[in-house]
């Protein structure tokens, strides 16, 4: 029998700052919860600047990653061929600098 006077020992989860914080299961076979919108990292880095395919220096890349993370984002699409590996390098350095690696 429960009473209205009982105290729940677990605090409710805080509401996310933005809809990016409403995580979803990536797939039924993966125990990973991700933000509903992935950040495409093809423009993070500066190696493609001469090809007109988007480019960001390290400082701008870190600002973008900070804003995405602070809004609740945790799902970044990157690959070694993006910006000739600069995208992955900048993301790794950003994660290490923020202590989230």
PDB file of N, CA and C in Angstrom:
ATOM      1  N   UNK A   1       0.847  -1.177   0.000  1.00  0.00           N
ATOM      2  CA  UNK A   1       0.000   0.000   0.000  1.00  0.00           C
ATOM      3  C   UNK A   1       0.886   1.230   0.000  1.00  0.00           C
ATOM      4  N   UNK A   2       0.626   2.119  -0.906  1.00  0.00           N
ATOM      5  CA  UNK A   2       1.456   3.319  -0.952  1.00  0.00           C
ATOM      6  C   UNK A   2       0.675   4.499  -0.401  1.00  0.00           C
ATOM      7  N   UNK A   3       1.423   5.408   0.093  1.00  0.00           N
ATOM      8  CA  UNK A   3       0.835   6.597   0.695  1.00  0.00           C
ATOM      9  C   UNK A   3       1.322   7.829  -0.064  1.00  0.00           C
ATOM     10  N   UNK A   4       0.532   8.856  -0.066  1.00  0.00           N
ATOM     11  CA  UNK A   4       0.936  10.099  -0.713  1.00  0.00           C
ATOM     12  C   UNK A   4       2.063  10.788   0.035  1.00  0.00           C
ATOM     13  N   UNK A   5       2.354  10.323   1.243  1.00  0.00           N
ATOM     14  CA  UNK A   5       3.400  10.931   2.056  1.00  0.00           C
ATOM     15  C   UNK A   5       4.766  10.294   1.826  1.00  0.00           C
ATOM     16  N   UNK A   6       4.833   9.253   0.990  1.00  0.00           N
ATOM     17  CA  UNK A   6       6.111   8.591   0.742  1.00  0.00           C
ATOM     18  C   UNK A   6       7.029   9.506  -0.063  1.00  0.00           C
ATOM     19  N   UNK A   7       8.294   9.415   0.225  1.00  0.00           N
ATOM     20  CA  UNK A   7       9.290  10.209  -0.484  1.00  0.00           C
ATOM     21  C   UNK A   7       9.977   9.318  -1.508  1.00  0.00           C
ATOM     22  N   UNK A   8      10.061   9.790  -2.719  1.00  0.00           N
ATOM     23  CA  UNK A   8      10.756   9.054  -3.762  1.00  0.00           C
ATOM     24  C   UNK A   8      12.252   9.309  -3.605  1.00  0.00           C
ATOM     25  N   UNK A   9      13.070   8.254  -3.445  1.00  0.00           N
ATOM     26  CA  UNK A   9      14.507   8.467  -3.250  1.00  0.00           C
ATOM     27  C   UNK A   9      15.234   8.920  -4.521  1.00  0.00           C
ATOM     28  N   UNK A  10      14.576   8.833  -5.656  1.00  0.00           N
ATOM     29  CA  UNK A  10      15.206   9.212  -6.920  1.00  0.00           C
ATOM     30  C   UNK A  10      14.620  10.523  -7.425  1.00  0.00           C
ATOM     31  N   UNK A  11      15.485  11.448  -7.744  1.00  0.00           N
ATOM     32  CA  UNK A  11      15.032  12.720  -8.303  1.00  0.00           C
ATOM     33  C   UNK A  11      14.634  12.511  -9.755  1.00  0.00           C
ATOM     34  N   UNK A  12      13.627  13.232 -10.218  1.00  0.00           N
ATOM     35  CA  UNK A  12      13.275  13.112 -11.638  1.00  0.00           C
ATOM     36  C   UNK A  12      14.390  13.692 -12.506  1.00  0.00           C
ATOM     37  N   UNK A  13      14.507  13.175 -13.703  1.00  0.00           N
ATOM     38  CA  UNK A  13      15.501  13.686 -14.644  1.00  0.00           C
ATOM     39  C   UNK A  13      15.160  15.134 -14.977  1.00  0.00           C
ATOM     40  N   UNK A  14      16.169  15.994 -15.044  1.00  0.00           N
ATOM     41  CA  UNK A  14      15.879  17.375 -15.445  1.00  0.00           C
ATOM     42  C   UNK A  14      15.437  17.408 -16.904  1.00  0.00           C
ATOM     43  N   UNK A  15      14.590  18.353 -17.219  1.00  0.00           N
ATOM     44  CA  UNK A  15      14.149  18.503 -18.601  1.00  0.00           C
ATOM     45  C   UNK A  15      15.318  18.983 -19.450  1.00  0.00           C
ATOM     46  N   UNK A  16      15.414  18.517 -20.684  1.00  0.00           N
ATOM     47  CA  UNK A  16      16.509  18.967 -21.541  1.00  0.00           C
ATOM     48  C   UNK A  16      16.365  20.446 -21.888  1.00  0.00           C
ATOM     49  N   UNK A  17      17.503  21.094 -22.141  1.00  0.00           N
ATOM     50  CA  UNK A  17      17.505  22.515 -22.505  1.00  0.00           C
ATOM     51  C   UNK A  17      16.818  22.748 -23.844  1.00  0.00           C
ATOM     52  N   UNK A  18      17.003  21.817 -24.770  1.00  0.00           N
ATOM     53  CA  UNK A  18      16.447  21.926 -26.118  1.00  0.00           C
ATOM     54  C   UNK A  18      15.990  20.536 -26.557  1.00  0.00           C
ATOM     55  N   UNK A  19      15.267  20.434 -27.651  1.00  0.00           N
ATOM     56  CA  UNK A  19      14.880  19.115 -28.161  1.00  0.00           C
ATOM     57  C   UNK A  19      16.071  18.210 -28.502  1.00  0.00           C
ATOM     58  N   UNK A  20      17.259  18.775 -28.689  1.00  0.00           N
ATOM     59  CA  UNK A  20      18.438  17.936 -28.936  1.00  0.00           C
ATOM     60  C   UNK A  20      18.733  17.020 -27.757  1.00  0.00           C
ATOM     61  N   UNK A  21      18.286  17.403 -26.574  1.00  0.00           N
ATOM     62  CA  UNK A  21      18.520  16.604 -25.379  1.00  0.00           C
ATOM     63  C   UNK A  21      17.512  15.488 -25.168  1.00  0.00           C
ATOM     64  N   UNK A  22      16.562  15.345 -26.060  1.00  0.00           N
ATOM     65  CA  UNK A  22      15.582  14.249 -25.964  1.00  0.00           C
ATOM     66  C   UNK A  22      16.136  13.054 -26.733  1.00  0.00           C
ATOM     67  N   UNK A  23      16.999  12.317 -26.080  1.00  0.00           N
ATOM     68  CA  UNK A  23      17.734  11.242 -26.732  1.00  0.00           C
ATOM     69  C   UNK A  23      16.839  10.074 -27.126  1.00  0.00           C
ATOM     70  N   UNK A  24      17.271   9.398 -28.176  1.00  0.00           N
ATOM     71  CA  UNK A  24      16.569   8.231 -28.716  1.00  0.00           C
ATOM     72  C   UNK A  24      17.546   7.075 -28.813  1.00  0.00           C
ATOM     73  N   UNK A  25      17.007   5.876 -28.804  1.00  0.00           N
ATOM     74  CA  UNK A  25      17.846   4.694 -28.979  1.00  0.00           C
ATOM     75  C   UNK A  25      18.310   4.660 -30.431  1.00  0.00           C
ATOM     76  N   UNK A  26      19.614   4.517 -30.630  1.00  0.00           N
ATOM     77  CA  UNK A  26      20.166   4.520 -31.983  1.00  0.00           C
ATOM     78  C   UNK A  26      19.628   3.358 -32.807  1.00  0.00           C
ATOM     79  N   UNK A  27      19.595   2.179 -32.215  1.00  0.00           N
ATOM     80  CA  UNK A  27      19.014   1.014 -32.883  1.00  0.00           C
ATOM     81  C   UNK A  27      18.634   0.002 -31.812  1.00  0.00           C
ATOM     82  N   UNK A  28      17.728  -0.933 -32.129  1.00  0.00           N
ATOM     83  CA  UNK A  28      17.314  -1.917 -31.133  1.00  0.00           C
ATOM     84  C   UNK A  28      18.467  -2.782 -30.620  1.00  0.00           C
ATOM     85  N   UNK A  29      19.519  -2.914 -31.394  1.00  0.00           N
ATOM     86  CA  UNK A  29      20.642  -3.767 -30.995  1.00  0.00           C
ATOM     87  C   UNK A  29      21.797  -2.999 -30.368  1.00  0.00           C
ATOM     88  N   UNK A  30      21.662  -1.703 -30.278  1.00  0.00           N
ATOM     89  CA  UNK A  30      22.725  -0.879 -29.685  1.00  0.00           C
ATOM     90  C   UNK A  30      22.194  -0.206 -28.429  1.00  0.00           C
ATOM     91  N   UNK A  31      22.964  -0.234 -27.381  1.00  0.00           N
ATOM     92  CA  UNK A  31      22.560   0.403 -26.135  1.00  0.00           C
ATOM     93  C   UNK A  31      22.987   1.863 -26.085  1.00  0.00           C
ATOM     94  N   UNK A  32      22.921   2.530 -27.211  1.00  0.00           N
ATOM     95  CA  UNK A  32      23.380   3.913 -27.305  1.00  0.00           C
ATOM     96  C   UNK A  32      22.183   4.830 -27.506  1.00  0.00           C
ATOM     97  N   UNK A  33      22.136   5.902 -26.725  1.00  0.00           N
ATOM     98  CA  UNK A  33      21.075   6.900 -26.875  1.00  0.00           C
ATOM     99  C   UNK A  33      21.701   8.157 -27.462  1.00  0.00           C
ATOM    100  N   UNK A  34      21.086   8.653 -28.523  1.00  0.00           N
ATOM    101  CA  UNK A  34      21.654   9.790 -29.249  1.00  0.00           C
ATOM    102  C   UNK A  34      20.623  10.899 -29.418  1.00  0.00           C
ATOM    103  N   UNK A  35      21.127  12.089 -29.674  1.00  0.00           N
ATOM    104  CA  UNK A  35      20.238  13.212 -29.958  1.00  0.00           C
ATOM    105  C   UNK A  35      19.519  12.954 -31.281  1.00  0.00           C
ATOM    106  N   UNK A  36      18.328  13.526 -31.457  1.00  0.00           N
ATOM    107  CA  UNK A  36      17.543  13.241 -32.660  1.00  0.00           C
ATOM    108  C   UNK A  36      18.118  13.847 -33.938  1.00  0.00           C
ATOM    109  N   UNK A  37      19.079  14.729 -33.806  1.00  0.00           N
ATOM    110  CA  UNK A  37      19.691  15.363 -34.969  1.00  0.00           C
ATOM    111  C   UNK A  37      21.205  15.225 -34.856  1.00  0.00           C
ATOM    112  N   UNK A  38      21.810  14.599 -35.861  1.00  0.00           N
ATOM    113  CA  UNK A  38      23.262  14.449 -35.873  1.00  0.00           C
ATOM    114  C   UNK A  38      23.908  15.694 -36.472  1.00  0.00           C
ATOM    115  N   UNK A  39      25.063  16.041 -35.963  1.00  0.00           N
ATOM    116  CA  UNK A  39      25.842  17.135 -36.527  1.00  0.00           C
ATOM    117  C   UNK A  39      26.746  16.558 -37.610  1.00  0.00           C
ATOM    118  N   UNK A  40      26.538  16.975 -38.828  1.00  0.00           N
ATOM    119  CA  UNK A  40      27.406  16.553 -39.926  1.00  0.00           C
ATOM    120  C   UNK A  40      28.699  17.347 -39.882  1.00  0.00           C
ATOM    121  N   UNK A  41      29.822  16.649 -39.787  1.00  0.00           N
ATOM    122  CA  UNK A  41      31.106  17.313 -39.570  1.00  0.00           C
ATOM    123  C   UNK A  41      31.929  17.476 -40.843  1.00  0.00           C
ATOM    124  N   UNK A  42      31.300  17.400 -41.989  1.00  0.00           N
ATOM    125  CA  UNK A  42      32.026  17.543 -43.243  1.00  0.00           C
ATOM    126  C   UNK A  42      32.659  18.906 -43.439  1.00  0.00           C
ATOM    127  N   UNK A  43      32.153  19.921 -42.752  1.00  0.00           N
ATOM    128  CA  UNK A  43      32.718  21.273 -42.886  1.00  0.00           C
ATOM    129  C   UNK A  43      33.684  21.622 -41.765  1.00  0.00           C
ATOM    130  N   UNK A  44      33.857  20.715 -40.811  1.00  0.00           N
ATOM    131  CA  UNK A  44      34.790  20.970 -39.711  1.00  0.00           C
ATOM    132  C   UNK A  44      36.200  20.671 -40.214  1.00  0.00           C
ATOM    133  N   UNK A  45      37.006  21.698 -40.278  1.00  0.00           N
ATOM    134  CA  UNK A  45      38.353  21.587 -40.825  1.00  0.00           C
ATOM    135  C   UNK A  45      38.518  22.587 -41.950  1.00  0.00           C
ATOM    136  N   UNK A  46      39.731  22.687 -42.460  1.00  0.00           N
ATOM    137  CA  UNK A  46      39.998  23.725 -43.458  1.00  0.00           C
ATOM    138  C   UNK A  46      40.666  23.215 -44.731  1.00  0.00           C
ATOM    139  N   UNK A  47      40.717  21.931 -44.925  1.00  0.00           N
ATOM    140  CA  UNK A  47      41.424  21.373 -46.085  1.00  0.00           C
ATOM    141  C   UNK A  47      40.642  21.478 -47.390  1.00  0.00           C
ATOM    142  N   UNK A  48      39.335  21.675 -47.332  1.00  0.00           N
ATOM    143  CA  UNK A  48      38.520  21.743 -48.549  1.00  0.00           C
ATOM    144  C   UNK A  48      38.162  23.173 -48.936  1.00  0.00           C
ATOM    145  N   UNK A  49      38.777  24.148 -48.317  1.00  0.00           N
ATOM    146  CA  UNK A  49      38.429  25.554 -48.564  1.00  0.00           C
ATOM    147  C   UNK A  49      38.568  25.927 -50.040  1.00  0.00           C
ATOM    148  N   UNK A  50      39.570  25.427 -50.705  1.00  0.00           N
ATOM    149  CA  UNK A  50      39.799  25.773 -52.115  1.00  0.00           C
ATOM    150  C   UNK A  50      38.826  25.088 -53.068  1.00  0.00           C
ATOM    151  N   UNK A  51      38.088  24.108 -52.567  1.00  0.00           N
ATOM    152  CA  UNK A  51      37.148  23.374 -53.413  1.00  0.00           C
ATOM    153  C   UNK A  51      35.713  23.869 -53.263  1.00  0.00           C
ATOM    154  N   UNK A  52      35.489  24.862 -52.408  1.00  0.00           N
ATOM    155  CA  UNK A  52      34.152  25.411 -52.212  1.00  0.00           C
ATOM    156  C   UNK A  52      33.196  24.450 -51.528  1.00  0.00           C
ATOM    157  N   UNK A  53      33.728  23.541 -50.709  1.00  0.00           N
ATOM    158  CA  UNK A  53      32.886  22.528 -50.062  1.00  0.00           C
ATOM    159  C   UNK A  53      32.686  22.801 -48.579  1.00  0.00           C
ATOM    160  N   UNK A  54      32.959  24.007 -48.144  1.00  0.00           N
ATOM    161  CA  UNK A  54      32.794  24.349 -46.742  1.00  0.00           C
ATOM    162  C   UNK A  54      34.080  24.116 -45.981  1.00  0.00           C
ATOM    163  N   UNK A  55      34.373  25.024 -45.090  1.00  0.00           N
ATOM    164  CA  UNK A  55      35.582  24.911 -44.280  1.00  0.00           C
ATOM    165  C   UNK A  55      35.447  25.793 -43.050  1.00  0.00           C
ATOM    166  N   UNK A  56      36.072  25.348 -41.953  1.00  0.00           N
ATOM    167  CA  UNK A  56      36.101  26.115 -40.711  1.00  0.00           C
ATOM    168  C   UNK A  56      37.469  25.964 -40.089  1.00  0.00           C
ATOM    169  N   UNK A  57      37.985  27.046 -39.556  1.00  0.00           N
ATOM    170  CA  UNK A  57      39.242  26.929 -38.832  1.00  0.00           C
ATOM    171  C   UNK A  57      38.964  26.267 -37.481  1.00  0.00           C
ATOM    172  N   UNK A  58      40.016  25.991 -36.749  1.00  0.00           N
ATOM    173  CA  UNK A  58      39.888  25.266 -35.484  1.00  0.00           C
ATOM    174  C   UNK A  58      39.021  26.017 -34.475  1.00  0.00           C
ATOM    175  N   UNK A  59      39.235  27.323 -34.355  1.00  0.00           N
ATOM    176  CA  UNK A  59      38.465  28.118 -33.391  1.00  0.00           C
ATOM    177  C   UNK A  59      36.971  28.091 -33.716  1.00  0.00           C
ATOM    178  N   UNK A  60      36.621  28.282 -34.971  1.00  0.00           N
ATOM    179  CA  UNK A  60      35.210  28.248 -35.380  1.00  0.00           C
ATOM    180  C   UNK A  60      34.620  26.857 -35.191  1.00  0.00           C
ATOM    181  N   UNK A  61      35.411  25.836 -35.460  1.00  0.00           N
ATOM    182  CA  UNK A  61      34.953  24.458 -35.276  1.00  0.00           C
ATOM    183  C   UNK A  61      34.637  24.194 -33.809  1.00  0.00           C
ATOM    184  N   UNK A  62      35.512  24.650 -32.916  1.00  0.00           N
ATOM    185  CA  UNK A  62      35.284  24.451 -31.491  1.00  0.00           C
ATOM    186  C   UNK A  62      34.032  25.195 -31.028  1.00  0.00           C
ATOM    187  N   UNK A  63      33.800  26.394 -31.554  1.00  0.00           N
ATOM    188  CA  UNK A  63      32.588  27.148 -31.194  1.00  0.00           C
ATOM    189  C   UNK A  63      31.330  26.401 -31.632  1.00  0.00           C
ATOM    190  N   UNK A  64      31.357  25.855 -32.841  1.00  0.00           N
ATOM    191  CA  UNK A  64      30.221  25.076 -33.332  1.00  0.00           C
ATOM    192  C   UNK A  64      29.995  23.848 -32.460  1.00  0.00           C
ATOM    193  N   UNK A  65      31.051  23.118 -32.164  1.00  0.00           N
ATOM    194  CA  UNK A  65      30.933  21.914 -31.339  1.00  0.00           C
ATOM    195  C   UNK A  65      30.450  22.254 -29.930  1.00  0.00           C
ATOM    196  N   UNK A  66      30.943  23.349 -29.357  1.00  0.00           N
ATOM    197  CA  UNK A  66      30.477  23.783 -28.031  1.00  0.00           C
ATOM    198  C   UNK A  66      28.978  24.071 -28.047  1.00  0.00           C
ATOM    199  N   UNK A  67      28.523  24.810 -29.044  1.00  0.00           N
ATOM    200  CA  UNK A  67      27.098  25.164 -29.126  1.00  0.00           C
ATOM    201  C   UNK A  67      26.237  23.919 -29.283  1.00  0.00           C
ATOM    202  N   UNK A  68      26.656  23.001 -30.123  1.00  0.00           N
ATOM    203  CA  UNK A  68      25.904  21.758 -30.340  1.00  0.00           C
ATOM    204  C   UNK A  68      25.842  20.943 -29.045  1.00  0.00           C
ATOM    205  N   UNK A  69      26.969  20.790 -28.376  1.00  0.00           N
ATOM    206  CA  UNK A  69      27.030  20.007 -27.139  1.00  0.00           C
ATOM    207  C   UNK A  69      26.219  20.666 -26.022  1.00  0.00           C
ATOM    208  N   UNK A  70      26.341  21.976 -25.879  1.00  0.00           N
ATOM    209  CA  UNK A  70      25.606  22.693 -24.830  1.00  0.00           C
ATOM    210  C   UNK A  70      24.096  22.642 -25.055  1.00  0.00           C
ATOM    211  N   UNK A  71      23.674  22.500 -26.308  1.00  0.00           N
ATOM    212  CA  UNK A  71      22.243  22.381 -26.618  1.00  0.00           C
ATOM    213  C   UNK A  71      21.737  20.954 -26.407  1.00  0.00           C
ATOM    214  N   UNK A  72      22.635  20.039 -26.057  1.00  0.00           N
ATOM    215  CA  UNK A  72      22.230  18.662 -25.791  1.00  0.00           C
ATOM    216  C   UNK A  72      22.652  17.668 -26.855  1.00  0.00           C
ATOM    217  N   UNK A  73      23.285  18.129 -27.917  1.00  0.00           N
ATOM    218  CA  UNK A  73      23.698  17.237 -28.995  1.00  0.00           C
ATOM    219  C   UNK A  73      24.825  16.313 -28.577  1.00  0.00           C
ATOM    220  N   UNK A  74      24.728  15.049 -29.011  1.00  0.00           N
ATOM    221  CA  UNK A  74      25.774  14.081 -28.692  1.00  0.00           C
ATOM    222  C   UNK A  74      26.050  13.110 -29.843  1.00  0.00           C
ATOM    223  N   UNK A  75      25.603  13.440 -31.047  1.00  0.00           N
ATOM    224  CA  UNK A  75      25.676  12.525 -32.185  1.00  0.00           C
ATOM    225  C   UNK A  75      26.345  13.262 -33.345  1.00  0.00           C
ATOM    226  N   UNK A  76      27.626  12.961 -33.589  1.00  0.00           N
ATOM    227  CA  UNK A  76      28.402  13.667 -34.610  1.00  0.00           C
ATOM    228  C   UNK A  76      28.802  12.687 -35.703  1.00  0.00           C
ATOM    229  N   UNK A  77      28.469  13.030 -36.929  1.00  0.00           N
ATOM    230  CA  UNK A  77      28.850  12.223 -38.085  1.00  0.00           C
ATOM    231  C   UNK A  77      30.174  12.744 -38.625  1.00  0.00           C
ATOM    232  N   UNK A  78      31.204  11.920 -38.558  1.00  0.00           N
ATOM    233  CA  UNK A  78      32.495  12.291 -39.116  1.00  0.00           C
ATOM    234  C   UNK A  78      33.118  11.073 -39.771  1.00  0.00           C
ATOM    235  N   UNK A  79      34.121  11.307 -40.561  1.00  0.00           N
ATOM    236  CA  UNK A  79      34.832  10.224 -41.245  1.00  0.00           C
ATOM    237  C   UNK A  79      36.246  10.693 -41.544  1.00  0.00           C
ATOM    238  N   UNK A  80      37.141   9.747 -41.700  1.00  0.00           N
ATOM    239  CA  UNK A  80      38.541  10.111 -41.927  1.00  0.00           C
ATOM    240  C   UNK A  80      38.745  10.869 -43.233  1.00  0.00           C
ATOM    241  N   UNK A  81      37.863  10.690 -44.194  1.00  0.00           N
ATOM    242  CA  UNK A  81      38.053  11.414 -45.454  1.00  0.00           C
ATOM    243  C   UNK A  81      37.454  12.821 -45.437  1.00  0.00           C
ATOM    244  N   UNK A  82      36.760  13.219 -44.375  1.00  0.00           N
ATOM    245  CA  UNK A  82      36.259  14.588 -44.287  1.00  0.00           C
ATOM    246  C   UNK A  82      37.440  15.523 -44.033  1.00  0.00           C
ATOM    247  N   UNK A  83      37.592  16.500 -44.899  1.00  0.00           N
ATOM    248  CA  UNK A  83      38.635  17.519 -44.742  1.00  0.00           C
ATOM    249  C   UNK A  83      40.026  16.891 -44.566  1.00  0.00           C
ATOM    250  N   UNK A  84      40.256  15.776 -45.257  1.00  0.00           N
ATOM    251  CA  UNK A  84      41.555  15.083 -45.197  1.00  0.00           C
ATOM    252  C   UNK A  84      41.962  14.778 -43.754  1.00  0.00           C
ATOM    253  N   UNK A  85      41.048  14.231 -42.989  1.00  0.00           N
ATOM    254  CA  UNK A  85      41.207  13.812 -41.592  1.00  0.00           C
ATOM    255  C   UNK A  85      41.213  14.961 -40.586  1.00  0.00           C
ATOM    256  N   UNK A  86      41.128  16.194 -41.051  1.00  0.00           N
ATOM    257  CA  UNK A  86      41.132  17.329 -40.129  1.00  0.00           C
ATOM    258  C   UNK A  86      39.866  17.351 -39.277  1.00  0.00           C
ATOM    259  N   UNK A  87      38.737  16.936 -39.842  1.00  0.00           N
ATOM    260  CA  UNK A  87      37.482  16.906 -39.094  1.00  0.00           C
ATOM    261  C   UNK A  87      37.624  16.026 -37.851  1.00  0.00           C
ATOM    262  N   UNK A  88      38.091  14.810 -38.028  1.00  0.00           N
ATOM    263  CA  UNK A  88      38.255  13.910 -36.883  1.00  0.00           C
ATOM    264  C   UNK A  88      39.296  14.443 -35.906  1.00  0.00           C
ATOM    265  N   UNK A  89      40.356  15.019 -36.422  1.00  0.00           N
ATOM    266  CA  UNK A  89      41.411  15.573 -35.564  1.00  0.00           C
ATOM    267  C   UNK A  89      40.849  16.686 -34.683  1.00  0.00           C
ATOM    268  N   UNK A  90      40.144  17.642 -35.279  1.00  0.00           N
ATOM    269  CA  UNK A  90      39.574  18.745 -34.497  1.00  0.00           C
ATOM    270  C   UNK A  90      38.554  18.238 -33.477  1.00  0.00           C
ATOM    271  N   UNK A  91      37.704  17.305 -33.878  1.00  0.00           N
ATOM    272  CA  UNK A  91      36.699  16.776 -32.949  1.00  0.00           C
ATOM    273  C   UNK A  91      37.380  16.073 -31.782  1.00  0.00           C
ATOM    274  N   UNK A  92      38.400  15.275 -32.064  1.00  0.00           N
ATOM    275  CA  UNK A  92      39.143  14.600 -30.998  1.00  0.00           C
ATOM    276  C   UNK A  92      39.815  15.579 -30.053  1.00  0.00           C
ATOM    277  N   UNK A  93      40.422  16.616 -30.599  1.00  0.00           N
ATOM    278  CA  UNK A  93      41.069  17.628 -29.759  1.00  0.00           C
ATOM    279  C   UNK A  93      40.040  18.383 -28.926  1.00  0.00           C
ATOM    280  N   UNK A  94      38.890  18.675 -29.523  1.00  0.00           N
ATOM    281  CA  UNK A  94      37.819  19.363 -28.794  1.00  0.00           C
ATOM    282  C   UNK A  94      37.320  18.493 -27.641  1.00  0.00           C
ATOM    283  N   UNK A  95      37.090  17.207 -27.912  1.00  0.00           N
ATOM    284  CA  UNK A  95      36.608  16.301 -26.864  1.00  0.00           C
ATOM    285  C   UNK A  95      37.622  16.173 -25.735  1.00  0.00           C
ATOM    286  N   UNK A  96      38.883  16.050 -26.094  1.00  0.00           N
ATOM    287  CA  UNK A  96      39.926  15.933 -25.077  1.00  0.00           C
ATOM    288  C   UNK A  96      40.030  17.214 -24.249  1.00  0.00           C
ATOM    289  N   UNK A  97      39.977  18.366 -24.893  1.00  0.00           N
ATOM    290  CA  UNK A  97      40.061  19.646 -24.182  1.00  0.00           C
ATOM    291  C   UNK A  97      38.880  19.848 -23.236  1.00  0.00           C
ATOM    292  N   UNK A  98      37.718  19.302 -23.569  1.00  0.00           N
ATOM    293  CA  UNK A  98      36.516  19.456 -22.742  1.00  0.00           C
ATOM    294  C   UNK A  98      36.365  18.324 -21.718  1.00  0.00           C
ATOM    295  N   UNK A  99      37.245  17.335 -21.774  1.00  0.00           N
ATOM    296  CA  UNK A  99      37.178  16.214 -20.834  1.00  0.00           C
ATOM    297  C   UNK A  99      36.012  15.280 -21.089  1.00  0.00           C
ATOM    298  N   UNK A 100      35.586  15.175 -22.342  1.00  0.00           N
ATOM    299  CA  UNK A 100      34.453  14.299 -22.656  1.00  0.00           C
ATOM    300  C   UNK A 100      34.859  13.164 -23.584  1.00  0.00           C
ATOM    301  N   UNK A 101      36.133  12.901 -23.639  1.00  0.00           N
ATOM    302  CA  UNK A 101      36.642  11.842 -24.506  1.00  0.00           C
ATOM    303  C   UNK A 101      36.803  10.561 -23.747  1.00  0.00           C
TER     304      UNK A 101
END
